[in-house]
């Protein structure tokens, strides 16, 4: 009796990975073991960096708010503390956007908490 191998499924599995590594350099795109390892590592980086992206943007927003508030003689921490005391519930993303693109509205918020 001949050996039973599910070549259709295993070839499809390999082809799926090789299609995903199409633009990679050298053996990473067409040698199965190298391509599989490279793709798996790429998935780890993607997972990690989805988290890092959130940290990076929060840091950017804080920097922009701090720069906007310094023009009015306040520090970031004093400004955020005053916002909390006044009950203003704007998040950092919105505040950073106002500081960059709508300085008049941002000044109104700063005047509100002073």
PDB file of N, CA and C in Angstrom:
ATOM      1  N   UNK A   1       0.846  -1.191   0.000  1.00  0.00           N
ATOM      2  CA  UNK A   1       0.000   0.000   0.000  1.00  0.00           C
ATOM      3  C   UNK A   1       0.883   1.243   0.000  1.00  0.00           C
ATOM      4  N   UNK A   2       0.510   2.213  -0.802  1.00  0.00           N
ATOM      5  CA  UNK A   2       1.320   3.424  -0.908  1.00  0.00           C
ATOM      6  C   UNK A   2       1.109   4.336   0.291  1.00  0.00           C
ATOM      7  N   UNK A   3       2.118   5.167   0.524  1.00  0.00           N
ATOM      8  CA  UNK A   3       2.061   6.082   1.657  1.00  0.00           C
ATOM      9  C   UNK A   3       1.084   7.214   1.365  1.00  0.00           C
ATOM     10  N   UNK A   4       0.292   7.568   2.342  1.00  0.00           N
ATOM     11  CA  UNK A   4      -0.696   8.622   2.158  1.00  0.00           C
ATOM     12  C   UNK A   4      -0.119   9.943   2.666  1.00  0.00           C
ATOM     13  N   UNK A   5       0.041  10.888   1.785  1.00  0.00           N
ATOM     14  CA  UNK A   5       0.491  12.229   2.181  1.00  0.00           C
ATOM     15  C   UNK A   5      -0.520  13.232   1.661  1.00  0.00           C
ATOM     16  N   UNK A   6      -0.820  14.202   2.459  1.00  0.00           N
ATOM     17  CA  UNK A   6      -1.798  15.202   2.043  1.00  0.00           C
ATOM     18  C   UNK A   6      -1.057  16.352   1.365  1.00  0.00           C
ATOM     19  N   UNK A   7      -0.549  16.080   0.187  1.00  0.00           N
ATOM     20  CA  UNK A   7       0.285  17.060  -0.500  1.00  0.00           C
ATOM     21  C   UNK A   7      -0.493  18.328  -0.874  1.00  0.00           C
ATOM     22  N   UNK A   8      -1.766  18.185  -1.157  1.00  0.00           N
ATOM     23  CA  UNK A   8      -2.568  19.355  -1.547  1.00  0.00           C
ATOM     24  C   UNK A   8      -2.588  20.383  -0.412  1.00  0.00           C
ATOM     25  N   UNK A   9      -2.842  19.915   0.800  1.00  0.00           N
ATOM     26  CA  UNK A   9      -2.935  20.831   1.940  1.00  0.00           C
ATOM     27  C   UNK A   9      -1.574  21.394   2.314  1.00  0.00           C
ATOM     28  N   UNK A  10      -0.533  20.546   2.317  1.00  0.00           N
ATOM     29  CA  UNK A  10       0.789  21.037   2.724  1.00  0.00           C
ATOM     30  C   UNK A  10       1.350  22.014   1.701  1.00  0.00           C
ATOM     31  N   UNK A  11       1.089  21.762   0.426  1.00  0.00           N
ATOM     32  CA  UNK A  11       1.542  22.699  -0.605  1.00  0.00           C
ATOM     33  C   UNK A  11       0.794  24.030  -0.487  1.00  0.00           C
ATOM     34  N   UNK A  12      -0.494  23.952  -0.185  1.00  0.00           N
ATOM     35  CA  UNK A  12      -1.286  25.174  -0.019  1.00  0.00           C
ATOM     36  C   UNK A  12      -0.772  25.992   1.166  1.00  0.00           C
ATOM     37  N   UNK A  13      -0.407  25.295   2.253  1.00  0.00           N
ATOM     38  CA  UNK A  13       0.132  25.981   3.427  1.00  0.00           C
ATOM     39  C   UNK A  13       1.424  26.719   3.077  1.00  0.00           C
ATOM     40  N   UNK A  14       2.300  26.024   2.372  1.00  0.00           N
ATOM     41  CA  UNK A  14       3.578  26.648   1.984  1.00  0.00           C
ATOM     42  C   UNK A  14       3.352  27.808   1.020  1.00  0.00           C
ATOM     43  N   UNK A  15       2.454  27.601   0.083  1.00  0.00           N
ATOM     44  CA  UNK A  15       2.190  28.635  -0.923  1.00  0.00           C
ATOM     45  C   UNK A  15       1.630  29.900  -0.273  1.00  0.00           C
ATOM     46  N   UNK A  16       0.800  29.705   0.762  1.00  0.00           N
ATOM     47  CA  UNK A  16       0.211  30.845   1.468  1.00  0.00           C
ATOM     48  C   UNK A  16       1.310  31.725   2.082  1.00  0.00           C
ATOM     49  N   UNK A  17       2.291  31.097   2.719  1.00  0.00           N
ATOM     50  CA  UNK A  17       3.399  31.836   3.327  1.00  0.00           C
ATOM     51  C   UNK A  17       4.259  32.476   2.238  1.00  0.00           C
ATOM     52  N   UNK A  18       4.556  31.724   1.186  1.00  0.00           N
ATOM     53  CA  UNK A  18       5.407  32.260   0.120  1.00  0.00           C
ATOM     54  C   UNK A  18       4.734  33.439  -0.592  1.00  0.00           C
ATOM     55  N   UNK A  19       3.420  33.423  -0.679  1.00  0.00           N
ATOM     56  CA  UNK A  19       2.717  34.576  -1.258  1.00  0.00           C
ATOM     57  C   UNK A  19       2.823  35.796  -0.360  1.00  0.00           C
ATOM     58  N   UNK A  20       2.846  35.561   0.953  1.00  0.00           N
ATOM     59  CA  UNK A  20       2.945  36.682   1.897  1.00  0.00           C
ATOM     60  C   UNK A  20       4.341  37.261   1.964  1.00  0.00           C
ATOM     61  N   UNK A  21       5.353  36.510   1.532  1.00  0.00           N
ATOM     62  CA  UNK A  21       6.731  36.993   1.589  1.00  0.00           C
ATOM     63  C   UNK A  21       7.224  37.427   0.209  1.00  0.00           C
ATOM     64  N   UNK A  22       6.309  37.732  -0.672  1.00  0.00           N
ATOM     65  CA  UNK A  22       6.643  37.998  -2.068  1.00  0.00           C
ATOM     66  C   UNK A  22       7.670  39.121  -2.266  1.00  0.00           C
ATOM     67  N   UNK A  23       7.575  40.200  -1.529  1.00  0.00           N
ATOM     68  CA  UNK A  23       8.462  41.333  -1.776  1.00  0.00           C
ATOM     69  C   UNK A  23       9.769  41.304  -1.014  1.00  0.00           C
ATOM     70  N   UNK A  24      10.041  40.233  -0.284  1.00  0.00           N
ATOM     71  CA  UNK A  24      11.235  40.179   0.549  1.00  0.00           C
ATOM     72  C   UNK A  24      12.485  39.992  -0.293  1.00  0.00           C
ATOM     73  N   UNK A  25      13.657  40.254   0.301  1.00  0.00           N
ATOM     74  CA  UNK A  25      14.928  40.229  -0.409  1.00  0.00           C
ATOM     75  C   UNK A  25      15.555  38.837  -0.365  1.00  0.00           C
ATOM     76  N   UNK A  26      16.129  38.424  -1.483  1.00  0.00           N
ATOM     77  CA  UNK A  26      16.919  37.194  -1.534  1.00  0.00           C
ATOM     78  C   UNK A  26      16.104  35.951  -1.243  1.00  0.00           C
ATOM     79  N   UNK A  27      16.702  35.037  -0.461  1.00  0.00           N
ATOM     80  CA  UNK A  27      16.060  33.756  -0.162  1.00  0.00           C
ATOM     81  C   UNK A  27      14.821  33.907   0.707  1.00  0.00           C
ATOM     82  N   UNK A  28      14.671  35.069   1.309  1.00  0.00           N
ATOM     83  CA  UNK A  28      13.524  35.277   2.197  1.00  0.00           C
ATOM     84  C   UNK A  28      12.194  35.175   1.456  1.00  0.00           C
ATOM     85  N   UNK A  29      12.220  35.327   0.136  1.00  0.00           N
ATOM     86  CA  UNK A  29      10.960  35.303  -0.597  1.00  0.00           C
ATOM     87  C   UNK A  29      10.621  33.951  -1.210  1.00  0.00           C
ATOM     88  N   UNK A  30      11.629  33.066  -1.393  1.00  0.00           N
ATOM     89  CA  UNK A  30      11.317  31.853  -2.147  1.00  0.00           C
ATOM     90  C   UNK A  30      11.836  30.547  -1.546  1.00  0.00           C
ATOM     91  N   UNK A  31      12.616  30.593  -0.476  1.00  0.00           N
ATOM     92  CA  UNK A  31      13.056  29.372   0.187  1.00  0.00           C
ATOM     93  C   UNK A  31      12.145  29.163   1.390  1.00  0.00           C
ATOM     94  N   UNK A  32      11.492  28.009   1.424  1.00  0.00           N
ATOM     95  CA  UNK A  32      10.416  27.786   2.385  1.00  0.00           C
ATOM     96  C   UNK A  32      10.818  28.063   3.823  1.00  0.00           C
ATOM     97  N   UNK A  33      11.899  27.454   4.308  1.00  0.00           N
ATOM     98  CA  UNK A  33      12.232  27.597   5.732  1.00  0.00           C
ATOM     99  C   UNK A  33      12.623  29.030   6.071  1.00  0.00           C
ATOM    100  N   UNK A  34      13.385  29.655   5.196  1.00  0.00           N
ATOM    101  CA  UNK A  34      13.805  31.040   5.440  1.00  0.00           C
ATOM    102  C   UNK A  34      12.593  31.966   5.394  1.00  0.00           C
ATOM    103  N   UNK A  35      11.739  31.756   4.400  1.00  0.00           N
ATOM    104  CA  UNK A  35      10.548  32.596   4.256  1.00  0.00           C
ATOM    105  C   UNK A  35       9.621  32.434   5.465  1.00  0.00           C
ATOM    106  N   UNK A  36       9.453  31.208   5.926  1.00  0.00           N
ATOM    107  CA  UNK A  36       8.568  30.959   7.066  1.00  0.00           C
ATOM    108  C   UNK A  36       9.100  31.643   8.316  1.00  0.00           C
ATOM    109  N   UNK A  37      10.395  31.509   8.568  1.00  0.00           N
ATOM    110  CA  UNK A  37      10.997  32.137   9.747  1.00  0.00           C
ATOM    111  C   UNK A  37      10.900  33.652   9.667  1.00  0.00           C
ATOM    112  N   UNK A  38      11.175  34.197   8.510  1.00  0.00           N
ATOM    113  CA  UNK A  38      11.119  35.645   8.312  1.00  0.00           C
ATOM    114  C   UNK A  38       9.700  36.166   8.519  1.00  0.00           C
ATOM    115  N   UNK A  39       8.726  35.464   7.953  1.00  0.00           N
ATOM    116  CA  UNK A  39       7.340  35.907   8.078  1.00  0.00           C
ATOM    117  C   UNK A  39       6.878  35.841   9.528  1.00  0.00           C
ATOM    118  N   UNK A  40       7.241  34.751  10.228  1.00  0.00           N
ATOM    119  CA  UNK A  40       6.847  34.621  11.631  1.00  0.00           C
ATOM    120  C   UNK A  40       7.464  35.737  12.477  1.00  0.00           C
ATOM    121  N   UNK A  41       8.728  36.042  12.231  1.00  0.00           N
ATOM    122  CA  UNK A  41       9.386  37.113  12.965  1.00  0.00           C
ATOM    123  C   UNK A  41       8.711  38.451  12.667  1.00  0.00           C
ATOM    124  N   UNK A  42       8.326  38.642  11.420  1.00  0.00           N
ATOM    125  CA  UNK A  42       7.620  39.863  11.037  1.00  0.00           C
ATOM    126  C   UNK A  42       6.298  40.019  11.764  1.00  0.00           C
ATOM    127  N   UNK A  43       5.609  38.901  11.981  1.00  0.00           N
ATOM    128  CA  UNK A  43       4.356  38.938  12.725  1.00  0.00           C
ATOM    129  C   UNK A  43       4.594  39.326  14.181  1.00  0.00           C
ATOM    130  N   UNK A  44       5.715  38.864  14.756  1.00  0.00           N
ATOM    131  CA  UNK A  44       6.058  39.253  16.127  1.00  0.00           C
ATOM    132  C   UNK A  44       6.327  40.758  16.208  1.00  0.00           C
ATOM    133  N   UNK A  45       7.072  41.275  15.229  1.00  0.00           N
ATOM    134  CA  UNK A  45       7.351  42.708  15.204  1.00  0.00           C
ATOM    135  C   UNK A  45       6.056  43.505  15.055  1.00  0.00           C
ATOM    136  N   UNK A  46       5.158  43.018  14.197  1.00  0.00           N
ATOM    137  CA  UNK A  46       3.903  43.734  13.958  1.00  0.00           C
ATOM    138  C   UNK A  46       3.077  43.801  15.240  1.00  0.00           C
ATOM    139  N   UNK A  47       3.012  42.699  15.977  1.00  0.00           N
ATOM    140  CA  UNK A  47       2.261  42.673  17.229  1.00  0.00           C
ATOM    141  C   UNK A  47       2.878  43.641  18.229  1.00  0.00           C
ATOM    142  N   UNK A  48       4.196  43.567  18.369  1.00  0.00           N
ATOM    143  CA  UNK A  48       4.897  44.443  19.321  1.00  0.00           C
ATOM    144  C   UNK A  48       4.709  45.914  18.951  1.00  0.00           C
ATOM    145  N   UNK A  49       4.829  46.213  17.673  1.00  0.00           N
ATOM    146  CA  UNK A  49       4.823  47.611  17.259  1.00  0.00           C
ATOM    147  C   UNK A  49       3.426  48.220  17.210  1.00  0.00           C
ATOM    148  N   UNK A  50       2.388  47.383  17.187  1.00  0.00           N
ATOM    149  CA  UNK A  50       1.045  47.951  17.353  1.00  0.00           C
ATOM    150  C   UNK A  50       0.901  48.552  18.740  1.00  0.00           C
ATOM    151  N   UNK A  51       1.554  47.942  19.729  1.00  0.00           N
ATOM    152  CA  UNK A  51       1.536  48.492  21.082  1.00  0.00           C
ATOM    153  C   UNK A  51       2.442  49.719  21.178  1.00  0.00           C
ATOM    154  N   UNK A  52       3.624  49.638  20.561  1.00  0.00           N
ATOM    155  CA  UNK A  52       4.595  50.738  20.624  1.00  0.00           C
ATOM    156  C   UNK A  52       4.054  51.990  19.937  1.00  0.00           C
ATOM    157  N   UNK A  53       3.255  51.794  18.884  1.00  0.00           N
ATOM    158  CA  UNK A  53       2.682  52.920  18.152  1.00  0.00           C
ATOM    159  C   UNK A  53       1.796  53.768  19.064  1.00  0.00           C
ATOM    160  N   UNK A  54       1.043  53.104  19.923  1.00  0.00           N
ATOM    161  CA  UNK A  54       0.174  53.830  20.849  1.00  0.00           C
ATOM    162  C   UNK A  54       0.997  54.669  21.818  1.00  0.00           C
ATOM    163  N   UNK A  55       2.109  54.091  22.307  1.00  0.00           N
ATOM    164  CA  UNK A  55       2.987  54.837  23.215  1.00  0.00           C
ATOM    165  C   UNK A  55       3.621  56.023  22.509  1.00  0.00           C
ATOM    166  N   UNK A  56       4.046  55.809  21.262  1.00  0.00           N
ATOM    167  CA  UNK A  56       4.724  56.870  20.509  1.00  0.00           C
ATOM    168  C   UNK A  56       3.775  58.048  20.254  1.00  0.00           C
ATOM    169  N   UNK A  57       2.528  57.745  19.899  1.00  0.00           N
ATOM    170  CA  UNK A  57       1.580  58.820  19.631  1.00  0.00           C
ATOM    171  C   UNK A  57       1.227  59.577  20.897  1.00  0.00           C
ATOM    172  N   UNK A  58       1.062  58.862  22.007  1.00  0.00           N
ATOM    173  CA  UNK A  58       0.763  59.556  23.261  1.00  0.00           C
ATOM    174  C   UNK A  58       1.897  60.510  23.615  1.00  0.00           C
ATOM    175  N   UNK A  59       3.134  60.063  23.427  1.00  0.00           N
ATOM    176  CA  UNK A  59       4.300  60.906  23.691  1.00  0.00           C
ATOM    177  C   UNK A  59       4.303  62.145  22.793  1.00  0.00           C
ATOM    178  N   UNK A  60       3.957  61.949  21.529  1.00  0.00           N
ATOM    179  CA  UNK A  60       3.889  63.068  20.583  1.00  0.00           C
ATOM    180  C   UNK A  60       2.818  64.074  20.996  1.00  0.00           C
ATOM    181  N   UNK A  61       1.651  63.573  21.397  1.00  0.00           N
ATOM    182  CA  UNK A  61       0.580  64.477  21.827  1.00  0.00           C
ATOM    183  C   UNK A  61       1.000  65.288  23.042  1.00  0.00           C
ATOM    184  N   UNK A  62       1.673  64.635  23.999  1.00  0.00           N
ATOM    185  CA  UNK A  62       2.118  65.331  25.207  1.00  0.00           C
ATOM    186  C   UNK A  62       3.117  66.424  24.842  1.00  0.00           C
ATOM    187  N   UNK A  63       4.029  66.131  23.927  1.00  0.00           N
ATOM    188  CA  UNK A  63       5.016  67.121  23.487  1.00  0.00           C
ATOM    189  C   UNK A  63       4.333  68.325  22.846  1.00  0.00           C
ATOM    190  N   UNK A  64       3.336  68.066  22.005  1.00  0.00           N
ATOM    191  CA  UNK A  64       2.627  69.157  21.324  1.00  0.00           C
ATOM    192  C   UNK A  64       1.820  70.004  22.307  1.00  0.00           C
ATOM    193  N   UNK A  65       1.174  69.358  23.256  1.00  0.00           N
ATOM    194  CA  UNK A  65       0.405  70.109  24.261  1.00  0.00           C
ATOM    195  C   UNK A  65       1.354  70.962  25.089  1.00  0.00           C
ATOM    196  N   UNK A  66       2.472  70.377  25.494  1.00  0.00           N
ATOM    197  CA  UNK A  66       3.459  71.101  26.300  1.00  0.00           C
ATOM    198  C   UNK A  66       3.968  72.331  25.546  1.00  0.00           C
ATOM    199  N   UNK A  67       4.283  72.160  24.264  1.00  0.00           N
ATOM    200  CA  UNK A  67       4.766  73.287  23.459  1.00  0.00           C
ATOM    201  C   UNK A  67       3.697  74.372  23.352  1.00  0.00           C
ATOM    202  N   UNK A  68       2.438  73.963  23.163  1.00  0.00           N
ATOM    203  CA  UNK A  68       1.351  74.937  23.046  1.00  0.00           C
ATOM    204  C   UNK A  68       1.099  75.687  24.341  1.00  0.00           C
ATOM    205  N   UNK A  69       1.203  74.997  25.464  1.00  0.00           N
ATOM    206  CA  UNK A  69       0.916  75.593  26.765  1.00  0.00           C
ATOM    207  C   UNK A  69       2.040  76.511  27.223  1.00  0.00           C
ATOM    208  N   UNK A  70       3.266  76.195  26.843  1.00  0.00           N
ATOM    209  CA  UNK A  70       4.424  77.016  27.240  1.00  0.00           C
ATOM    210  C   UNK A  70       4.302  78.447  26.740  1.00  0.00           C
ATOM    211  N   UNK A  71       3.619  78.636  25.609  1.00  0.00           N
ATOM    212  CA  UNK A  71       3.418  79.985  25.070  1.00  0.00           C
ATOM    213  C   UNK A  71       2.618  80.865  26.033  1.00  0.00           C
ATOM    214  N   UNK A  72       1.830  80.239  26.886  1.00  0.00           N
ATOM    215  CA  UNK A  72       0.985  80.978  27.814  1.00  0.00           C
ATOM    216  C   UNK A  72       1.509  80.899  29.251  1.00  0.00           C
ATOM    217  N   UNK A  73       2.770  80.514  29.400  1.00  0.00           N
ATOM    218  CA  UNK A  73       3.425  80.543  30.700  1.00  0.00           C
ATOM    219  C   UNK A  73       3.021  79.439  31.662  1.00  0.00           C
ATOM    220  N   UNK A  74       2.616  78.301  31.139  1.00  0.00           N
ATOM    221  CA  UNK A  74       2.272  77.157  31.995  1.00  0.00           C
ATOM    222  C   UNK A  74       3.114  75.963  31.582  1.00  0.00           C
ATOM    223  N   UNK A  75       3.190  74.986  32.480  1.00  0.00           N
ATOM    224  CA  UNK A  75       3.834  73.730  32.109  1.00  0.00           C
ATOM    225  C   UNK A  75       2.745  72.706  31.803  1.00  0.00           C
ATOM    226  N   UNK A  76       3.143  71.629  31.179  1.00  0.00           N
ATOM    227  CA  UNK A  76       2.194  70.583  30.807  1.00  0.00           C
ATOM    228  C   UNK A  76       1.492  70.009  32.035  1.00  0.00           C
ATOM    229  N   UNK A  77       2.284  69.709  33.072  1.00  0.00           N
ATOM    230  CA  UNK A  77       1.690  69.047  34.243  1.00  0.00           C
ATOM    231  C   UNK A  77       0.715  69.963  34.969  1.00  0.00           C
ATOM    232  N   UNK A  78       1.051  71.235  35.063  1.00  0.00           N
ATOM    233  CA  UNK A  78       0.139  72.196  35.708  1.00  0.00           C
ATOM    234  C   UNK A  78      -1.144  72.316  34.881  1.00  0.00           C
ATOM    235  N   UNK A  79      -0.988  72.379  33.572  1.00  0.00           N
ATOM    236  CA  UNK A  79      -2.140  72.498  32.671  1.00  0.00           C
ATOM    237  C   UNK A  79      -3.070  71.295  32.795  1.00  0.00           C
ATOM    238  N   UNK A  80      -2.499  70.087  32.756  1.00  0.00           N
ATOM    239  CA  UNK A  80      -3.325  68.880  32.829  1.00  0.00           C
ATOM    240  C   UNK A  80      -4.002  68.760  34.202  1.00  0.00           C
ATOM    241  N   UNK A  81      -3.292  69.156  35.257  1.00  0.00           N
ATOM    242  CA  UNK A  81      -3.895  69.146  36.584  1.00  0.00           C
ATOM    243  C   UNK A  81      -5.054  70.117  36.676  1.00  0.00           C
ATOM    244  N   UNK A  82      -4.880  71.300  36.094  1.00  0.00           N
ATOM    245  CA  UNK A  82      -5.945  72.308  36.103  1.00  0.00           C
ATOM    246  C   UNK A  82      -7.152  71.848  35.289  1.00  0.00           C
ATOM    247  N   UNK A  83      -6.876  71.175  34.170  1.00  0.00           N
ATOM    248  CA  UNK A  83      -7.979  70.645  33.359  1.00  0.00           C
ATOM    249  C   UNK A  83      -8.819  69.665  34.166  1.00  0.00           C
ATOM    250  N   UNK A  84      -8.132  68.791  34.905  1.00  0.00           N
ATOM    251  CA  UNK A  84      -8.849  67.787  35.698  1.00  0.00           C
ATOM    252  C   UNK A  84      -9.687  68.460  36.787  1.00  0.00           C
ATOM    253  N   UNK A  85      -9.122  69.484  37.421  1.00  0.00           N
ATOM    254  CA  UNK A  85      -9.861  70.179  38.485  1.00  0.00           C
ATOM    255  C   UNK A  85     -11.099  70.884  37.941  1.00  0.00           C
ATOM    256  N   UNK A  86     -10.965  71.472  36.752  1.00  0.00           N
ATOM    257  CA  UNK A  86     -12.090  72.184  36.138  1.00  0.00           C
ATOM    258  C   UNK A  86     -13.118  71.224  35.537  1.00  0.00           C
ATOM    259  N   UNK A  87     -12.752  69.949  35.397  1.00  0.00           N
ATOM    260  CA  UNK A  87     -13.687  68.973  34.843  1.00  0.00           C
ATOM    261  C   UNK A  87     -13.767  68.976  33.331  1.00  0.00           C
ATOM    262  N   UNK A  88     -12.735  69.491  32.669  1.00  0.00           N
ATOM    263  CA  UNK A  88     -12.698  69.481  31.203  1.00  0.00           C
ATOM    264  C   UNK A  88     -12.250  68.092  30.763  1.00  0.00           C
ATOM    265  N   UNK A  89     -13.081  67.419  30.003  1.00  0.00           N
ATOM    266  CA  UNK A  89     -12.788  66.046  29.615  1.00  0.00           C
ATOM    267  C   UNK A  89     -12.384  65.955  28.149  1.00  0.00           C
ATOM    268  N   UNK A  90     -11.316  66.642  27.791  1.00  0.00           N
ATOM    269  CA  UNK A  90     -10.736  66.512  26.460  1.00  0.00           C
ATOM    270  C   UNK A  90      -9.510  65.619  26.570  1.00  0.00           C
ATOM    271  N   UNK A  91      -9.392  64.674  25.656  1.00  0.00           N
ATOM    272  CA  UNK A  91      -8.231  63.789  25.718  1.00  0.00           C
ATOM    273  C   UNK A  91      -7.010  64.450  25.076  1.00  0.00           C
ATOM    274  N   UNK A  92      -5.866  63.823  25.251  1.00  0.00           N
ATOM    275  CA  UNK A  92      -4.605  64.396  24.772  1.00  0.00           C
ATOM    276  C   UNK A  92      -4.572  64.519  23.255  1.00  0.00           C
ATOM    277  N   UNK A  93      -5.182  63.570  22.573  1.00  0.00           N
ATOM    278  CA  UNK A  93      -5.212  63.620  21.111  1.00  0.00           C
ATOM    279  C   UNK A  93      -5.940  64.872  20.629  1.00  0.00           C
ATOM    280  N   UNK A  94      -7.091  65.151  21.216  1.00  0.00           N
ATOM    281  CA  UNK A  94      -7.877  66.329  20.822  1.00  0.00           C
ATOM    282  C   UNK A  94      -7.158  67.617  21.198  1.00  0.00           C
ATOM    283  N   UNK A  95      -6.567  67.646  22.396  1.00  0.00           N
ATOM    284  CA  UNK A  95      -5.837  68.848  22.829  1.00  0.00           C
ATOM    285  C   UNK A  95      -4.645  69.130  21.922  1.00  0.00           C
ATOM    286  N   UNK A  96      -3.912  68.086  21.549  1.00  0.00           N
ATOM    287  CA  UNK A  96      -2.754  68.263  20.665  1.00  0.00           C
ATOM    288  C   UNK A  96      -3.196  68.770  19.300  1.00  0.00           C
ATOM    289  N   UNK A  97      -4.317  68.256  18.807  1.00  0.00           N
ATOM    290  CA  UNK A  97      -4.838  68.707  17.519  1.00  0.00           C
ATOM    291  C   UNK A  97      -5.239  70.179  17.586  1.00  0.00           C
ATOM    292  N   UNK A  98      -5.881  70.569  18.679  1.00  0.00           N
ATOM    293  CA  UNK A  98      -6.249  71.982  18.843  1.00  0.00           C
ATOM    294  C   UNK A  98      -5.005  72.863  18.931  1.00  0.00           C
ATOM    295  N   UNK A  99      -4.010  72.418  19.670  1.00  0.00           N
ATOM    296  CA  UNK A  99      -2.785  73.206  19.832  1.00  0.00           C
ATOM    297  C   UNK A  99      -2.090  73.436  18.492  1.00  0.00           C
ATOM    298  N   UNK A 100      -2.141  72.445  17.619  1.00  0.00           N
ATOM    299  CA  UNK A 100      -1.466  72.580  16.328  1.00  0.00           C
ATOM    300  C   UNK A 100      -2.307  73.319  15.299  1.00  0.00           C
ATOM    301  N   UNK A 101      -3.581  72.934  15.171  1.00  0.00           N
ATOM    302  CA  UNK A 101      -4.381  73.388  14.036  1.00  0.00           C
ATOM    303  C   UNK A 101      -5.386  74.488  14.355  1.00  0.00           C
ATOM    304  N   UNK A 102      -5.649  74.726  15.651  1.00  0.00           N
ATOM    305  CA  UNK A 102      -6.641  75.730  16.006  1.00  0.00           C
ATOM    306  C   UNK A 102      -6.192  76.467  17.271  1.00  0.00           C
ATOM    307  N   UNK A 103      -5.169  77.324  17.135  1.00  0.00           N
ATOM    308  CA  UNK A 103      -4.591  77.978  18.317  1.00  0.00           C
ATOM    309  C   UNK A 103      -5.578  78.839  19.101  1.00  0.00           C
ATOM    310  N   UNK A 104      -6.588  79.420  18.409  1.00  0.00           N
ATOM    311  CA  UNK A 104      -7.548  80.262  19.110  1.00  0.00           C
ATOM    312  C   UNK A 104      -8.367  79.437  20.103  1.00  0.00           C
ATOM    313  N   UNK A 105      -8.827  78.279  19.650  1.00  0.00           N
ATOM    314  CA  UNK A 105      -9.610  77.403  20.531  1.00  0.00           C
ATOM    315  C   UNK A 105      -8.746  76.888  21.679  1.00  0.00           C
ATOM    316  N   UNK A 106      -7.490  76.583  21.387  1.00  0.00           N
ATOM    317  CA  UNK A 106      -6.581  76.105  22.431  1.00  0.00           C
ATOM    318  C   UNK A 106      -6.339  77.201  23.470  1.00  0.00           C
ATOM    319  N   UNK A 107      -6.197  78.442  22.984  1.00  0.00           N
ATOM    320  CA  UNK A 107      -6.006  79.571  23.914  1.00  0.00           C
ATOM    321  C   UNK A 107      -7.227  79.735  24.807  1.00  0.00           C
ATOM    322  N   UNK A 108      -8.407  79.524  24.255  1.00  0.00           N
ATOM    323  CA  UNK A 108      -9.634  79.627  25.051  1.00  0.00           C
ATOM    324  C   UNK A 108      -9.646  78.577  26.160  1.00  0.00           C
ATOM    325  N   UNK A 109      -9.175  77.384  25.875  1.00  0.00           N
ATOM    326  CA  UNK A 109      -9.096  76.325  26.897  1.00  0.00           C
ATOM    327  C   UNK A 109      -8.078  76.684  27.958  1.00  0.00           C
ATOM    328  N   UNK A 110      -6.934  77.236  27.528  1.00  0.00           N
ATOM    329  CA  UNK A 110      -5.900  77.631  28.485  1.00  0.00           C
ATOM    330  C   UNK A 110      -6.439  78.744  29.386  1.00  0.00           C
ATOM    331  N   UNK A 111      -7.129  79.728  28.812  1.00  0.00           N
ATOM    332  CA  UNK A 111      -7.706  80.805  29.605  1.00  0.00           C
ATOM    333  C   UNK A 111      -8.760  80.286  30.582  1.00  0.00           C
ATOM    334  N   UNK A 112      -9.476  79.257  30.170  1.00  0.00           N
ATOM    335  CA  UNK A 112     -10.490  78.669  31.026  1.00  0.00           C
ATOM    336  C   UNK A 112      -9.890  78.061  32.293  1.00  0.00           C
ATOM    337  N   UNK A 113      -8.726  77.441  32.159  1.00  0.00           N
ATOM    338  CA  UNK A 113      -8.132  76.743  33.312  1.00  0.00           C
ATOM    339  C   UNK A 113      -7.188  77.617  34.117  1.00  0.00           C
ATOM    340  N   UNK A 114      -6.831  78.785  33.605  1.00  0.00           N
ATOM    341  CA  UNK A 114      -5.901  79.677  34.342  1.00  0.00           C
ATOM    342  C   UNK A 114      -6.578  80.236  35.562  1.00  0.00           C
TER     343      UNK A 114
END
